[in-house]
Amino acid sequence: MTNRDIALTFIQLFCEGNINAINVLLASNVVFKGPFHTFYSAKDYVKSLEASPPEKFNYDIISVTENKNEVAIFYKYHKKDRTMDIAQLVKIANQKVVEIQVIFDARELV
């Protein structure tokens, strides 16, 4: 898989709520940074997903930009009552996700 494929698969699996498959893509020391949480291991990140599973939702890719080890994905997140723009920067090394940075306007969740 290319880095682009890995990053897009990560987004797809997250949107499907498939935590087990997400875990396979992650390096054990993955760093996750988002508006509400920061984690420094796959174990802690997956544990948070299990405690509050992502709902299945539809999404539309707006843009994908990549360089050697990073893929930036911008997409529309469609839930029952809202649509949000989300940006994720996914860093990859040795076919594993090593860092995820998620950016969105958290006010849209209130």
N, C-alpha and C. Protein backbone atom coordinates (compact mmCIF):
# COMPACT_ATOMS: atom_id res chain seq x y z
N MET A 1 0.83 -1.19 0.00
CA MET A 1 0.00 0.00 0.00
C MET A 1 0.88 1.25 0.00
N THR A 2 0.44 2.25 -0.70
CA THR A 2 1.14 3.53 -0.68
C THR A 2 0.74 4.29 0.60
N ASN A 3 1.49 5.32 0.93
CA ASN A 3 1.13 6.15 2.08
C ASN A 3 -0.26 6.75 1.91
N ARG A 4 -0.56 7.16 0.70
CA ARG A 4 -1.89 7.71 0.40
C ARG A 4 -2.96 6.66 0.69
N ASP A 5 -2.74 5.43 0.23
CA ASP A 5 -3.70 4.34 0.47
C ASP A 5 -3.90 4.10 1.97
N ILE A 6 -2.81 4.10 2.71
CA ILE A 6 -2.89 3.86 4.16
C ILE A 6 -3.70 4.96 4.84
N ALA A 7 -3.42 6.21 4.49
CA ALA A 7 -4.14 7.34 5.10
C ALA A 7 -5.62 7.32 4.74
N LEU A 8 -5.93 7.08 3.48
CA LEU A 8 -7.33 7.03 3.06
C LEU A 8 -8.06 5.83 3.68
N THR A 9 -7.36 4.72 3.84
CA THR A 9 -7.95 3.56 4.50
C THR A 9 -8.23 3.87 5.96
N PHE A 10 -7.32 4.58 6.61
CA PHE A 10 -7.54 4.99 8.00
C PHE A 10 -8.83 5.80 8.12
N ILE A 11 -9.01 6.80 7.25
CA ILE A 11 -10.22 7.64 7.28
C ILE A 11 -11.45 6.77 7.04
N GLN A 12 -11.39 5.90 6.06
CA GLN A 12 -12.53 5.03 5.74
C GLN A 12 -12.90 4.16 6.94
N LEU A 13 -11.91 3.52 7.55
CA LEU A 13 -12.18 2.63 8.69
C LEU A 13 -12.73 3.41 9.87
N PHE A 14 -12.21 4.61 10.10
CA PHE A 14 -12.73 5.44 11.18
C PHE A 14 -14.19 5.77 10.91
N CYS A 15 -14.50 6.16 9.69
CA CYS A 15 -15.87 6.53 9.34
C CYS A 15 -16.81 5.33 9.40
N GLU A 16 -16.28 4.14 9.24
CA GLU A 16 -17.07 2.91 9.38
C GLU A 16 -17.17 2.47 10.84
N GLY A 17 -16.38 3.08 11.72
CA GLY A 17 -16.36 2.67 13.12
C GLY A 17 -15.64 1.36 13.35
N ASN A 18 -14.72 0.99 12.47
CA ASN A 18 -14.03 -0.30 12.54
C ASN A 18 -12.73 -0.17 13.34
N ILE A 19 -12.87 -0.19 14.65
CA ILE A 19 -11.73 0.03 15.55
C ILE A 19 -10.67 -1.07 15.41
N ASN A 20 -11.08 -2.32 15.27
CA ASN A 20 -10.11 -3.41 15.15
C ASN A 20 -9.22 -3.24 13.93
N ALA A 21 -9.80 -2.86 12.82
CA ALA A 21 -9.01 -2.67 11.60
C ALA A 21 -8.13 -1.42 11.70
N ILE A 22 -8.62 -0.38 12.38
CA ILE A 22 -7.81 0.82 12.60
C ILE A 22 -6.54 0.44 13.35
N ASN A 23 -6.69 -0.37 14.38
CA ASN A 23 -5.56 -0.76 15.23
C ASN A 23 -4.44 -1.41 14.42
N VAL A 24 -4.78 -2.15 13.40
CA VAL A 24 -3.79 -2.83 12.56
C VAL A 24 -2.91 -1.82 11.81
N LEU A 25 -3.46 -0.66 11.49
CA LEU A 25 -2.72 0.35 10.73
C LEU A 25 -1.76 1.17 11.60
N LEU A 26 -1.94 1.14 12.91
CA LEU A 26 -1.20 2.03 13.81
C LEU A 26 0.13 1.46 14.28
N ALA A 27 1.15 2.31 14.32
CA ALA A 27 2.40 1.96 15.00
C ALA A 27 2.10 1.95 16.50
N SER A 28 2.81 1.12 17.24
CA SER A 28 2.53 1.03 18.69
C SER A 28 2.74 2.36 19.39
N ASN A 29 3.63 3.19 18.88
CA ASN A 29 3.91 4.48 19.51
C ASN A 29 3.27 5.65 18.75
N VAL A 30 2.16 5.40 18.11
CA VAL A 30 1.47 6.45 17.35
C VAL A 30 1.17 7.64 18.27
N VAL A 31 1.28 8.83 17.71
CA VAL A 31 0.92 10.05 18.43
C VAL A 31 -0.36 10.58 17.78
N PHE A 32 -1.38 10.79 18.60
CA PHE A 32 -2.64 11.34 18.13
C PHE A 32 -2.84 12.69 18.80
N LYS A 33 -3.11 13.72 17.99
CA LYS A 33 -3.39 15.06 18.51
C LYS A 33 -4.69 15.55 17.90
N GLY A 34 -5.64 15.89 18.75
CA GLY A 34 -6.91 16.40 18.29
C GLY A 34 -7.40 17.52 19.17
N PRO A 35 -8.56 18.08 18.86
CA PRO A 35 -9.09 19.20 19.65
C PRO A 35 -9.37 18.84 21.12
N PHE A 36 -9.66 17.59 21.38
CA PHE A 36 -10.04 17.20 22.74
C PHE A 36 -9.03 16.30 23.44
N HIS A 37 -8.22 15.55 22.69
CA HIS A 37 -7.34 14.56 23.29
C HIS A 37 -5.98 14.53 22.60
N THR A 38 -4.99 14.07 23.36
CA THR A 38 -3.68 13.75 22.83
C THR A 38 -3.28 12.40 23.41
N PHE A 39 -2.80 11.50 22.56
CA PHE A 39 -2.36 10.18 23.01
C PHE A 39 -0.98 9.91 22.43
N TYR A 40 -0.22 9.07 23.14
CA TYR A 40 1.14 8.76 22.72
C TYR A 40 1.36 7.26 22.53
N SER A 41 0.28 6.53 22.33
CA SER A 41 0.42 5.10 22.03
C SER A 41 -0.85 4.62 21.34
N ALA A 42 -0.70 3.57 20.55
CA ALA A 42 -1.87 2.96 19.90
C ALA A 42 -2.82 2.43 20.96
N LYS A 43 -2.26 1.85 22.01
CA LYS A 43 -3.08 1.29 23.08
C LYS A 43 -4.01 2.35 23.67
N ASP A 44 -3.47 3.51 24.01
CA ASP A 44 -4.30 4.57 24.61
C ASP A 44 -5.30 5.14 23.61
N TYR A 45 -4.88 5.32 22.38
CA TYR A 45 -5.79 5.84 21.36
C TYR A 45 -6.95 4.87 21.12
N VAL A 46 -6.63 3.60 20.93
CA VAL A 46 -7.66 2.59 20.68
C VAL A 46 -8.57 2.45 21.90
N LYS A 47 -8.00 2.52 23.07
CA LYS A 47 -8.80 2.44 24.30
C LYS A 47 -9.85 3.57 24.33
N SER A 48 -9.45 4.76 23.92
CA SER A 48 -10.40 5.88 23.89
C SER A 48 -11.48 5.65 22.84
N LEU A 49 -11.12 5.06 21.70
CA LEU A 49 -12.12 4.76 20.67
C LEU A 49 -13.09 3.69 21.16
N GLU A 50 -12.59 2.73 21.91
CA GLU A 50 -13.46 1.68 22.44
C GLU A 50 -14.41 2.25 23.49
N ALA A 51 -13.93 3.19 24.29
CA ALA A 51 -14.77 3.81 25.33
C ALA A 51 -15.85 4.70 24.73
N SER A 52 -15.53 5.32 23.61
CA SER A 52 -16.48 6.20 22.93
C SER A 52 -16.37 5.94 21.43
N PRO A 53 -16.97 4.84 20.97
CA PRO A 53 -16.78 4.42 19.58
C PRO A 53 -17.25 5.47 18.58
N PRO A 54 -16.49 5.62 17.50
CA PRO A 54 -16.94 6.54 16.45
C PRO A 54 -18.22 6.00 15.82
N GLU A 55 -19.15 6.91 15.60
CA GLU A 55 -20.39 6.52 14.92
C GLU A 55 -20.08 6.34 13.44
N LYS A 56 -20.79 5.43 12.83
CA LYS A 56 -20.66 5.29 11.38
C LYS A 56 -21.25 6.54 10.75
N PHE A 57 -20.52 7.11 9.81
CA PHE A 57 -21.03 8.29 9.13
C PHE A 57 -20.47 8.34 7.72
N ASN A 58 -21.12 9.11 6.92
CA ASN A 58 -20.67 9.30 5.54
C ASN A 58 -19.67 10.45 5.48
N TYR A 59 -18.85 10.43 4.47
CA TYR A 59 -17.88 11.48 4.28
C TYR A 59 -17.62 11.66 2.80
N ASP A 60 -17.18 12.85 2.45
CA ASP A 60 -16.79 13.16 1.07
C ASP A 60 -15.41 13.80 1.12
N ILE A 61 -14.49 13.23 0.40
CA ILE A 61 -13.13 13.78 0.32
C ILE A 61 -13.18 15.09 -0.47
N ILE A 62 -12.59 16.12 0.12
CA ILE A 62 -12.47 17.41 -0.56
C ILE A 62 -11.13 17.48 -1.28
N SER A 63 -10.06 17.08 -0.56
CA SER A 63 -8.72 17.21 -1.11
C SER A 63 -7.76 16.26 -0.41
N VAL A 64 -6.79 15.76 -1.15
CA VAL A 64 -5.71 14.95 -0.59
C VAL A 64 -4.41 15.52 -1.13
N THR A 65 -3.51 15.85 -0.20
CA THR A 65 -2.20 16.37 -0.56
C THR A 65 -1.17 15.51 0.14
N GLU A 66 -0.09 15.21 -0.54
CA GLU A 66 0.89 14.33 0.08
C GLU A 66 2.31 14.73 -0.28
N ASN A 67 3.21 14.34 0.62
CA ASN A 67 4.63 14.42 0.31
C ASN A 67 5.21 13.06 0.68
N LYS A 68 6.48 12.98 0.92
CA LYS A 68 7.14 11.68 1.11
C LYS A 68 6.51 10.84 2.23
N ASN A 69 6.31 11.41 3.41
CA ASN A 69 5.83 10.63 4.56
C ASN A 69 4.53 11.14 5.18
N GLU A 70 3.90 12.13 4.57
CA GLU A 70 2.70 12.73 5.14
C GLU A 70 1.60 12.82 4.10
N VAL A 71 0.38 12.62 4.58
CA VAL A 71 -0.79 12.76 3.72
C VAL A 71 -1.78 13.65 4.46
N ALA A 72 -2.19 14.74 3.84
CA ALA A 72 -3.20 15.63 4.41
C ALA A 72 -4.51 15.38 3.68
N ILE A 73 -5.53 15.09 4.47
CA ILE A 73 -6.84 14.78 3.90
C ILE A 73 -7.86 15.77 4.47
N PHE A 74 -8.57 16.41 3.58
CA PHE A 74 -9.64 17.32 3.96
C PHE A 74 -10.94 16.67 3.50
N TYR A 75 -11.90 16.59 4.42
CA TYR A 75 -13.15 15.94 4.04
C TYR A 75 -14.35 16.53 4.76
N LYS A 76 -15.52 16.30 4.17
CA LYS A 76 -16.80 16.69 4.76
C LYS A 76 -17.30 15.50 5.57
N TYR A 77 -17.62 15.75 6.82
CA TYR A 77 -18.08 14.75 7.77
C TYR A 77 -19.58 14.94 7.89
N HIS A 78 -20.36 13.95 7.46
CA HIS A 78 -21.82 14.06 7.46
C HIS A 78 -22.41 13.20 8.58
N LYS A 79 -23.05 13.86 9.51
CA LYS A 79 -23.80 13.14 10.55
C LYS A 79 -25.27 13.48 10.36
N LYS A 80 -26.10 12.88 11.20
CA LYS A 80 -27.55 13.08 11.06
C LYS A 80 -27.94 14.55 11.05
N ASP A 81 -27.34 15.31 11.95
CA ASP A 81 -27.79 16.69 12.16
C ASP A 81 -26.80 17.77 11.73
N ARG A 82 -25.68 17.39 11.14
CA ARG A 82 -24.70 18.41 10.76
C ARG A 82 -23.67 17.87 9.77
N THR A 83 -23.02 18.81 9.14
CA THR A 83 -21.87 18.50 8.29
C THR A 83 -20.72 19.39 8.76
N MET A 84 -19.55 18.79 8.92
CA MET A 84 -18.37 19.52 9.38
C MET A 84 -17.23 19.30 8.41
N ASP A 85 -16.39 20.32 8.30
CA ASP A 85 -15.14 20.15 7.55
C ASP A 85 -14.07 19.68 8.53
N ILE A 86 -13.33 18.65 8.15
CA ILE A 86 -12.28 18.09 8.99
C ILE A 86 -11.01 17.97 8.16
N ALA A 87 -9.89 18.26 8.80
CA ALA A 87 -8.58 18.07 8.18
C ALA A 87 -7.79 17.10 9.05
N GLN A 88 -7.13 16.14 8.41
CA GLN A 88 -6.26 15.22 9.14
C GLN A 88 -4.93 15.14 8.42
N LEU A 89 -3.89 15.28 9.22
CA LEU A 89 -2.54 15.07 8.72
C LEU A 89 -2.09 13.72 9.26
N VAL A 90 -1.80 12.80 8.38
CA VAL A 90 -1.40 11.45 8.76
C VAL A 90 0.05 11.24 8.33
N LYS A 91 0.90 10.95 9.32
CA LYS A 91 2.30 10.66 9.03
C LYS A 91 2.50 9.15 9.07
N ILE A 92 3.28 8.65 8.12
CA ILE A 92 3.44 7.21 7.96
C ILE A 92 4.92 6.86 7.87
N ALA A 93 5.28 5.75 8.53
CA ALA A 93 6.63 5.21 8.45
C ALA A 93 6.53 3.69 8.49
N ASN A 94 7.25 3.05 7.62
CA ASN A 94 7.26 1.58 7.57
C ASN A 94 5.86 0.98 7.47
N GLN A 95 5.02 1.60 6.64
CA GLN A 95 3.67 1.10 6.37
C GLN A 95 2.74 1.18 7.58
N LYS A 96 3.09 2.02 8.57
CA LYS A 96 2.25 2.19 9.76
C LYS A 96 2.01 3.68 10.00
N VAL A 97 0.84 3.99 10.53
CA VAL A 97 0.53 5.36 10.91
C VAL A 97 1.28 5.68 12.19
N VAL A 98 2.13 6.72 12.16
CA VAL A 98 2.93 7.08 13.32
C VAL A 98 2.46 8.38 13.98
N GLU A 99 1.69 9.17 13.25
CA GLU A 99 1.13 10.38 13.85
C GLU A 99 -0.13 10.79 13.12
N ILE A 100 -1.10 11.26 13.90
CA ILE A 100 -2.36 11.74 13.35
C ILE A 100 -2.65 13.08 14.01
N GLN A 101 -2.88 14.09 13.21
CA GLN A 101 -3.31 15.37 13.75
C GLN A 101 -4.66 15.69 13.11
N VAL A 102 -5.67 15.90 13.95
CA VAL A 102 -7.02 16.16 13.48
C VAL A 102 -7.38 17.61 13.83
N ILE A 103 -7.91 18.32 12.84
CA ILE A 103 -8.29 19.71 13.05
C ILE A 103 -9.72 19.91 12.56
N PHE A 104 -10.54 20.46 13.45
CA PHE A 104 -11.90 20.85 13.10
C PHE A 104 -12.38 21.89 14.11
N ASP A 105 -13.43 22.57 13.78
CA ASP A 105 -14.00 23.58 14.67
C ASP A 105 -14.85 22.86 15.71
N ALA A 106 -14.34 22.70 16.92
CA ALA A 106 -15.03 21.95 17.97
C ALA A 106 -16.34 22.63 18.39
N ARG A 107 -16.48 23.90 18.12
CA ARG A 107 -17.73 24.59 18.45
C ARG A 107 -18.92 23.99 17.71
N GLU A 108 -18.65 23.35 16.58
CA GLU A 108 -19.74 22.75 15.80
C GLU A 108 -20.35 21.52 16.50
N LEU A 109 -19.70 21.03 17.52
CA LEU A 109 -20.21 19.86 18.25
C LEU A 109 -21.09 20.25 19.44
N VAL A 110 -21.13 21.53 19.74
CA VAL A 110 -21.89 21.98 20.90
C VAL A 110 -23.30 22.31 20.52
